[in-house]
Amino acid sequence: MLEKVVMSQLLDHLNTNELWPRFQSAYRACHSTETALLRVLNDLLTASDDGQVSLLTLLDLSAAFDTIDHDILFHRLEHVFGIQNSALSFFRSYLTERKQMVSISGYSSNPSTLLYG
């Protein structure tokens, strides 16, 4: 429940301060993957109509945040997006000192502290 409250406040902050990239579709009212795809399709068709050659490269970023360094993330949240005080503390407490382990057939590895993700 706390995550939903913080995410709501974060989204309000991004909207109020107009910090979204111009064509951001995720997490925005009246935007979706469909609107993002329509934008790409429109750009490709417009370029084709103008006689331009287009190249579309698609990347799967579903695991992109699995490699983000927490210190870099905290710095950007604070200095680029203006997230401070309790909101920044929430992200720090949520991501700091998290551990993972593997358990198979009753055997478990030692817990390992996560540095990324």
N, C-alpha and C. Protein backbone atom coordinates (compact mmCIF):
# COMPACT_ATOMS: atom_id res chain seq x y z
N MET A 1 0.82 -1.19 0.00
CA MET A 1 0.00 0.00 0.00
C MET A 1 0.87 1.26 0.00
N LEU A 2 1.95 1.21 0.79
CA LEU A 2 2.85 2.37 0.86
C LEU A 2 3.44 2.68 -0.51
N GLU A 3 3.77 1.62 -1.28
CA GLU A 3 4.31 1.83 -2.62
C GLU A 3 3.34 2.59 -3.50
N LYS A 4 2.05 2.26 -3.41
CA LYS A 4 1.05 2.94 -4.23
C LYS A 4 0.96 4.42 -3.87
N VAL A 5 1.04 4.73 -2.58
CA VAL A 5 0.98 6.12 -2.13
C VAL A 5 2.19 6.88 -2.64
N VAL A 6 3.38 6.30 -2.49
CA VAL A 6 4.60 6.97 -2.93
C VAL A 6 4.60 7.13 -4.45
N MET A 7 4.20 6.09 -5.19
CA MET A 7 4.15 6.20 -6.65
C MET A 7 3.16 7.27 -7.08
N SER A 8 2.04 7.36 -6.39
CA SER A 8 1.05 8.39 -6.70
C SER A 8 1.65 9.78 -6.50
N GLN A 9 2.36 9.96 -5.40
CA GLN A 9 3.00 11.25 -5.12
C GLN A 9 4.10 11.54 -6.13
N LEU A 10 4.86 10.52 -6.49
CA LEU A 10 5.92 10.70 -7.47
C LEU A 10 5.34 11.10 -8.82
N LEU A 11 4.29 10.42 -9.26
CA LEU A 11 3.67 10.75 -10.54
C LEU A 11 3.08 12.16 -10.51
N ASP A 12 2.47 12.54 -9.39
CA ASP A 12 1.96 13.91 -9.24
C ASP A 12 3.08 14.92 -9.37
N HIS A 13 4.22 14.63 -8.73
CA HIS A 13 5.38 15.53 -8.79
C HIS A 13 5.88 15.68 -10.23
N LEU A 14 6.00 14.56 -10.94
CA LEU A 14 6.47 14.60 -12.33
C LEU A 14 5.51 15.39 -13.21
N ASN A 15 4.21 15.20 -12.99
CA ASN A 15 3.21 15.93 -13.78
C ASN A 15 3.21 17.42 -13.45
N THR A 16 3.18 17.75 -12.17
CA THR A 16 3.12 19.14 -11.72
C THR A 16 4.31 19.94 -12.21
N ASN A 17 5.48 19.33 -12.18
CA ASN A 17 6.71 20.03 -12.55
C ASN A 17 7.13 19.79 -14.00
N GLU A 18 6.25 19.15 -14.76
CA GLU A 18 6.49 18.89 -16.18
C GLU A 18 7.86 18.26 -16.43
N LEU A 19 8.16 17.20 -15.69
CA LEU A 19 9.46 16.52 -15.80
C LEU A 19 9.43 15.32 -16.74
N TRP A 20 8.27 15.03 -17.31
CA TRP A 20 8.17 13.90 -18.24
C TRP A 20 8.87 14.24 -19.55
N PRO A 21 9.53 13.26 -20.15
CA PRO A 21 9.99 13.48 -21.53
C PRO A 21 8.77 13.72 -22.42
N ARG A 22 8.93 14.46 -23.48
CA ARG A 22 7.80 14.89 -24.31
C ARG A 22 6.93 13.72 -24.78
N PHE A 23 7.53 12.62 -25.18
CA PHE A 23 6.75 11.51 -25.73
C PHE A 23 6.67 10.31 -24.78
N GLN A 24 6.81 10.55 -23.49
CA GLN A 24 6.67 9.50 -22.49
C GLN A 24 5.24 8.96 -22.53
N SER A 25 5.08 7.65 -22.62
CA SER A 25 3.74 7.07 -22.65
C SER A 25 3.40 6.34 -21.36
N ALA A 26 4.34 5.64 -20.79
CA ALA A 26 4.06 4.86 -19.58
C ALA A 26 3.73 5.77 -18.40
N TYR A 27 2.80 5.35 -17.58
CA TYR A 27 2.40 6.02 -16.34
C TYR A 27 1.74 7.37 -16.55
N ARG A 28 1.28 7.67 -17.74
CA ARG A 28 0.63 8.95 -18.00
C ARG A 28 -0.82 8.71 -18.38
N ALA A 29 -1.69 9.58 -17.90
CA ALA A 29 -3.11 9.48 -18.25
C ALA A 29 -3.26 9.65 -19.76
N CYS A 30 -4.13 8.86 -20.33
CA CYS A 30 -4.45 8.90 -21.77
C CYS A 30 -3.25 8.53 -22.65
N HIS A 31 -2.27 7.85 -22.10
CA HIS A 31 -1.12 7.36 -22.87
C HIS A 31 -0.96 5.88 -22.57
N SER A 32 -0.45 5.15 -23.54
CA SER A 32 -0.28 3.71 -23.37
C SER A 32 0.73 3.21 -24.39
N THR A 33 0.96 1.91 -24.39
CA THR A 33 1.82 1.35 -25.42
C THR A 33 1.19 1.56 -26.80
N GLU A 34 -0.15 1.59 -26.83
CA GLU A 34 -0.83 1.83 -28.10
C GLU A 34 -0.53 3.23 -28.63
N THR A 35 -0.56 4.24 -27.76
CA THR A 35 -0.26 5.60 -28.23
C THR A 35 1.20 5.72 -28.64
N ALA A 36 2.09 5.03 -27.94
CA ALA A 36 3.50 5.05 -28.31
C ALA A 36 3.70 4.41 -29.69
N LEU A 37 3.05 3.27 -29.92
CA LEU A 37 3.17 2.61 -31.22
C LEU A 37 2.55 3.44 -32.34
N LEU A 38 1.44 4.11 -32.05
CA LEU A 38 0.83 4.98 -33.05
C LEU A 38 1.75 6.13 -33.42
N ARG A 39 2.46 6.66 -32.45
CA ARG A 39 3.42 7.74 -32.71
C ARG A 39 4.54 7.24 -33.63
N VAL A 40 5.10 6.06 -33.32
CA VAL A 40 6.18 5.50 -34.13
C VAL A 40 5.67 5.23 -35.55
N LEU A 41 4.50 4.61 -35.66
CA LEU A 41 3.93 4.32 -36.97
C LEU A 41 3.70 5.60 -37.77
N ASN A 42 3.16 6.62 -37.12
CA ASN A 42 2.94 7.90 -37.78
C ASN A 42 4.25 8.49 -38.29
N ASP A 43 5.30 8.46 -37.45
CA ASP A 43 6.59 9.00 -37.86
C ASP A 43 7.16 8.24 -39.05
N LEU A 44 7.03 6.92 -39.05
CA LEU A 44 7.53 6.10 -40.16
C LEU A 44 6.76 6.39 -41.45
N LEU A 45 5.44 6.48 -41.35
CA LEU A 45 4.62 6.76 -42.54
C LEU A 45 4.88 8.16 -43.08
N THR A 46 5.03 9.12 -42.18
CA THR A 46 5.33 10.49 -42.61
C THR A 46 6.68 10.56 -43.32
N ALA A 47 7.67 9.88 -42.77
CA ALA A 47 8.99 9.85 -43.40
C ALA A 47 8.92 9.18 -44.77
N SER A 48 8.17 8.10 -44.86
CA SER A 48 8.01 7.40 -46.15
C SER A 48 7.33 8.30 -47.17
N ASP A 49 6.29 8.99 -46.75
CA ASP A 49 5.59 9.92 -47.65
C ASP A 49 6.51 11.03 -48.14
N ASP A 50 7.48 11.42 -47.30
CA ASP A 50 8.44 12.46 -47.67
C ASP A 50 9.63 11.91 -48.45
N GLY A 51 9.60 10.60 -48.76
CA GLY A 51 10.68 9.99 -49.53
C GLY A 51 11.92 9.68 -48.71
N GLN A 52 11.80 9.70 -47.40
CA GLN A 52 12.95 9.42 -46.55
C GLN A 52 13.04 7.93 -46.25
N VAL A 53 14.25 7.49 -45.97
CA VAL A 53 14.48 6.10 -45.57
C VAL A 53 14.48 6.07 -44.05
N SER A 54 13.83 5.06 -43.48
CA SER A 54 13.75 4.95 -42.02
C SER A 54 14.33 3.62 -41.56
N LEU A 55 14.85 3.63 -40.37
CA LEU A 55 15.36 2.43 -39.74
C LEU A 55 14.77 2.38 -38.34
N LEU A 56 14.15 1.27 -38.00
CA LEU A 56 13.55 1.10 -36.68
C LEU A 56 14.30 0.02 -35.93
N THR A 57 14.85 0.37 -34.78
CA THR A 57 15.54 -0.59 -33.93
C THR A 57 14.72 -0.75 -32.66
N LEU A 58 14.40 -1.97 -32.30
CA LEU A 58 13.61 -2.23 -31.10
C LEU A 58 14.49 -2.91 -30.05
N LEU A 59 14.40 -2.42 -28.83
CA LEU A 59 15.18 -2.97 -27.73
C LEU A 59 14.23 -3.47 -26.65
N ASP A 60 14.55 -4.59 -26.06
CA ASP A 60 13.78 -5.10 -24.93
C ASP A 60 14.43 -4.57 -23.66
N LEU A 61 13.78 -3.60 -23.03
CA LEU A 61 14.32 -2.99 -21.82
C LEU A 61 13.63 -3.52 -20.56
N SER A 62 13.00 -4.68 -20.65
CA SER A 62 12.25 -5.18 -19.50
C SER A 62 13.14 -5.42 -18.29
N ALA A 63 14.41 -5.66 -18.51
CA ALA A 63 15.32 -5.88 -17.38
C ALA A 63 16.33 -4.74 -17.23
N ALA A 64 16.05 -3.59 -17.83
CA ALA A 64 17.00 -2.48 -17.82
C ALA A 64 17.36 -2.04 -16.42
N PHE A 65 16.39 -2.01 -15.53
CA PHE A 65 16.66 -1.52 -14.19
C PHE A 65 17.33 -2.56 -13.30
N ASP A 66 17.50 -3.78 -13.82
CA ASP A 66 18.23 -4.80 -13.06
C ASP A 66 19.71 -4.48 -12.99
N THR A 67 20.17 -3.54 -13.80
CA THR A 67 21.59 -3.22 -13.83
C THR A 67 21.90 -1.80 -13.37
N ILE A 68 20.91 -1.08 -12.88
CA ILE A 68 21.15 0.31 -12.48
C ILE A 68 21.79 0.37 -11.10
N ASP A 69 22.84 1.14 -10.99
CA ASP A 69 23.54 1.33 -9.73
C ASP A 69 22.69 2.20 -8.82
N HIS A 70 22.47 1.75 -7.59
CA HIS A 70 21.59 2.48 -6.67
C HIS A 70 22.07 3.90 -6.39
N ASP A 71 23.36 4.09 -6.23
CA ASP A 71 23.86 5.44 -5.94
C ASP A 71 23.59 6.40 -7.10
N ILE A 72 23.75 5.91 -8.32
CA ILE A 72 23.45 6.74 -9.49
C ILE A 72 21.96 7.05 -9.54
N LEU A 73 21.13 6.05 -9.27
CA LEU A 73 19.69 6.26 -9.26
C LEU A 73 19.29 7.30 -8.22
N PHE A 74 19.80 7.17 -7.00
CA PHE A 74 19.47 8.14 -5.94
C PHE A 74 19.90 9.55 -6.32
N HIS A 75 21.09 9.67 -6.90
CA HIS A 75 21.59 10.98 -7.32
C HIS A 75 20.67 11.60 -8.36
N ARG A 76 20.26 10.81 -9.35
CA ARG A 76 19.39 11.34 -10.40
C ARG A 76 18.00 11.68 -9.87
N LEU A 77 17.48 10.83 -9.00
CA LEU A 77 16.17 11.12 -8.41
C LEU A 77 16.19 12.47 -7.69
N GLU A 78 17.29 12.72 -6.97
CA GLU A 78 17.38 13.95 -6.19
C GLU A 78 17.71 15.16 -7.05
N HIS A 79 18.74 15.05 -7.88
CA HIS A 79 19.26 16.22 -8.58
C HIS A 79 18.65 16.47 -9.95
N VAL A 80 18.11 15.44 -10.59
CA VAL A 80 17.49 15.64 -11.90
C VAL A 80 15.98 15.80 -11.76
N PHE A 81 15.37 14.95 -10.89
CA PHE A 81 13.92 14.95 -10.76
C PHE A 81 13.42 15.68 -9.52
N GLY A 82 14.32 16.14 -8.67
CA GLY A 82 13.91 16.92 -7.51
C GLY A 82 13.21 16.14 -6.42
N ILE A 83 13.41 14.82 -6.38
CA ILE A 83 12.80 13.99 -5.34
C ILE A 83 13.63 14.17 -4.07
N GLN A 84 12.99 14.55 -2.96
CA GLN A 84 13.73 14.82 -1.73
C GLN A 84 12.98 14.29 -0.52
N ASN A 85 13.60 14.46 0.62
CA ASN A 85 13.03 14.18 1.93
C ASN A 85 12.45 12.77 2.03
N SER A 86 11.21 12.65 2.46
CA SER A 86 10.65 11.33 2.76
C SER A 86 10.51 10.48 1.50
N ALA A 87 10.22 11.09 0.35
CA ALA A 87 10.10 10.30 -0.88
C ALA A 87 11.45 9.68 -1.25
N LEU A 88 12.52 10.46 -1.17
CA LEU A 88 13.85 9.93 -1.46
C LEU A 88 14.25 8.89 -0.41
N SER A 89 13.91 9.16 0.83
CA SER A 89 14.20 8.19 1.91
C SER A 89 13.48 6.88 1.67
N PHE A 90 12.26 6.96 1.14
CA PHE A 90 11.52 5.73 0.83
C PHE A 90 12.28 4.88 -0.18
N PHE A 91 12.73 5.51 -1.27
CA PHE A 91 13.46 4.76 -2.29
C PHE A 91 14.76 4.19 -1.71
N ARG A 92 15.45 4.97 -0.91
CA ARG A 92 16.69 4.49 -0.28
C ARG A 92 16.42 3.28 0.60
N SER A 93 15.41 3.37 1.46
CA SER A 93 15.14 2.27 2.38
C SER A 93 14.63 1.04 1.62
N TYR A 94 13.91 1.26 0.54
CA TYR A 94 13.37 0.14 -0.24
C TYR A 94 14.48 -0.61 -0.98
N LEU A 95 15.47 0.11 -1.48
CA LEU A 95 16.50 -0.52 -2.30
C LEU A 95 17.79 -0.86 -1.56
N THR A 96 18.04 -0.25 -0.42
CA THR A 96 19.30 -0.45 0.29
C THR A 96 19.24 -1.71 1.15
N GLU A 97 20.33 -2.43 1.15
CA GLU A 97 20.48 -3.65 1.97
C GLU A 97 19.47 -4.74 1.62
N ARG A 98 19.00 -4.79 0.39
CA ARG A 98 18.13 -5.89 -0.04
C ARG A 98 19.00 -7.10 -0.31
N LYS A 99 18.47 -8.26 -0.01
CA LYS A 99 19.23 -9.49 -0.16
C LYS A 99 18.46 -10.48 -1.01
N GLN A 100 19.21 -11.40 -1.61
CA GLN A 100 18.59 -12.48 -2.37
C GLN A 100 19.31 -13.78 -2.05
N MET A 101 18.60 -14.87 -2.25
CA MET A 101 19.19 -16.19 -2.07
C MET A 101 18.45 -17.17 -2.95
N VAL A 102 19.06 -18.32 -3.18
CA VAL A 102 18.46 -19.36 -3.99
C VAL A 102 18.17 -20.54 -3.08
N SER A 103 16.99 -21.12 -3.25
CA SER A 103 16.61 -22.29 -2.47
C SER A 103 16.09 -23.37 -3.41
N ILE A 104 16.74 -24.52 -3.38
CA ILE A 104 16.35 -25.65 -4.24
C ILE A 104 16.34 -26.92 -3.41
N SER A 105 15.23 -27.61 -3.45
CA SER A 105 15.09 -28.91 -2.77
C SER A 105 15.55 -28.86 -1.32
N GLY A 106 15.20 -27.82 -0.62
CA GLY A 106 15.53 -27.72 0.80
C GLY A 106 16.92 -27.18 1.08
N TYR A 107 17.72 -26.95 0.06
CA TYR A 107 19.05 -26.38 0.24
C TYR A 107 19.01 -24.90 -0.16
N SER A 108 19.64 -24.07 0.65
CA SER A 108 19.63 -22.63 0.38
C SER A 108 21.04 -22.08 0.34
N SER A 109 21.23 -21.14 -0.56
CA SER A 109 22.52 -20.44 -0.63
C SER A 109 22.57 -19.42 0.49
N ASN A 110 23.76 -18.85 0.71
CA ASN A 110 23.87 -17.76 1.66
C ASN A 110 23.24 -16.52 1.05
N PRO A 111 22.60 -15.68 1.87
CA PRO A 111 22.03 -14.44 1.34
C PRO A 111 23.14 -13.54 0.79
N SER A 112 22.83 -12.87 -0.31
CA SER A 112 23.77 -11.97 -0.98
C SER A 112 23.11 -10.59 -1.11
N THR A 113 23.85 -9.56 -0.75
CA THR A 113 23.31 -8.19 -0.84
C THR A 113 23.25 -7.77 -2.30
N LEU A 114 22.12 -7.20 -2.70
CA LEU A 114 21.94 -6.72 -4.08
C LEU A 114 22.52 -5.32 -4.21
N LEU A 115 23.34 -5.13 -5.23
CA LEU A 115 23.92 -3.82 -5.50
C LEU A 115 23.19 -3.10 -6.61
N TYR A 116 22.42 -3.85 -7.41
CA TYR A 116 21.73 -3.30 -8.56
C TYR A 116 20.30 -3.83 -8.57
N GLY A 117 19.48 -3.19 -9.41
CA GLY A 117 18.12 -3.69 -9.59
C GLY A 117 17.13 -3.12 -8.61
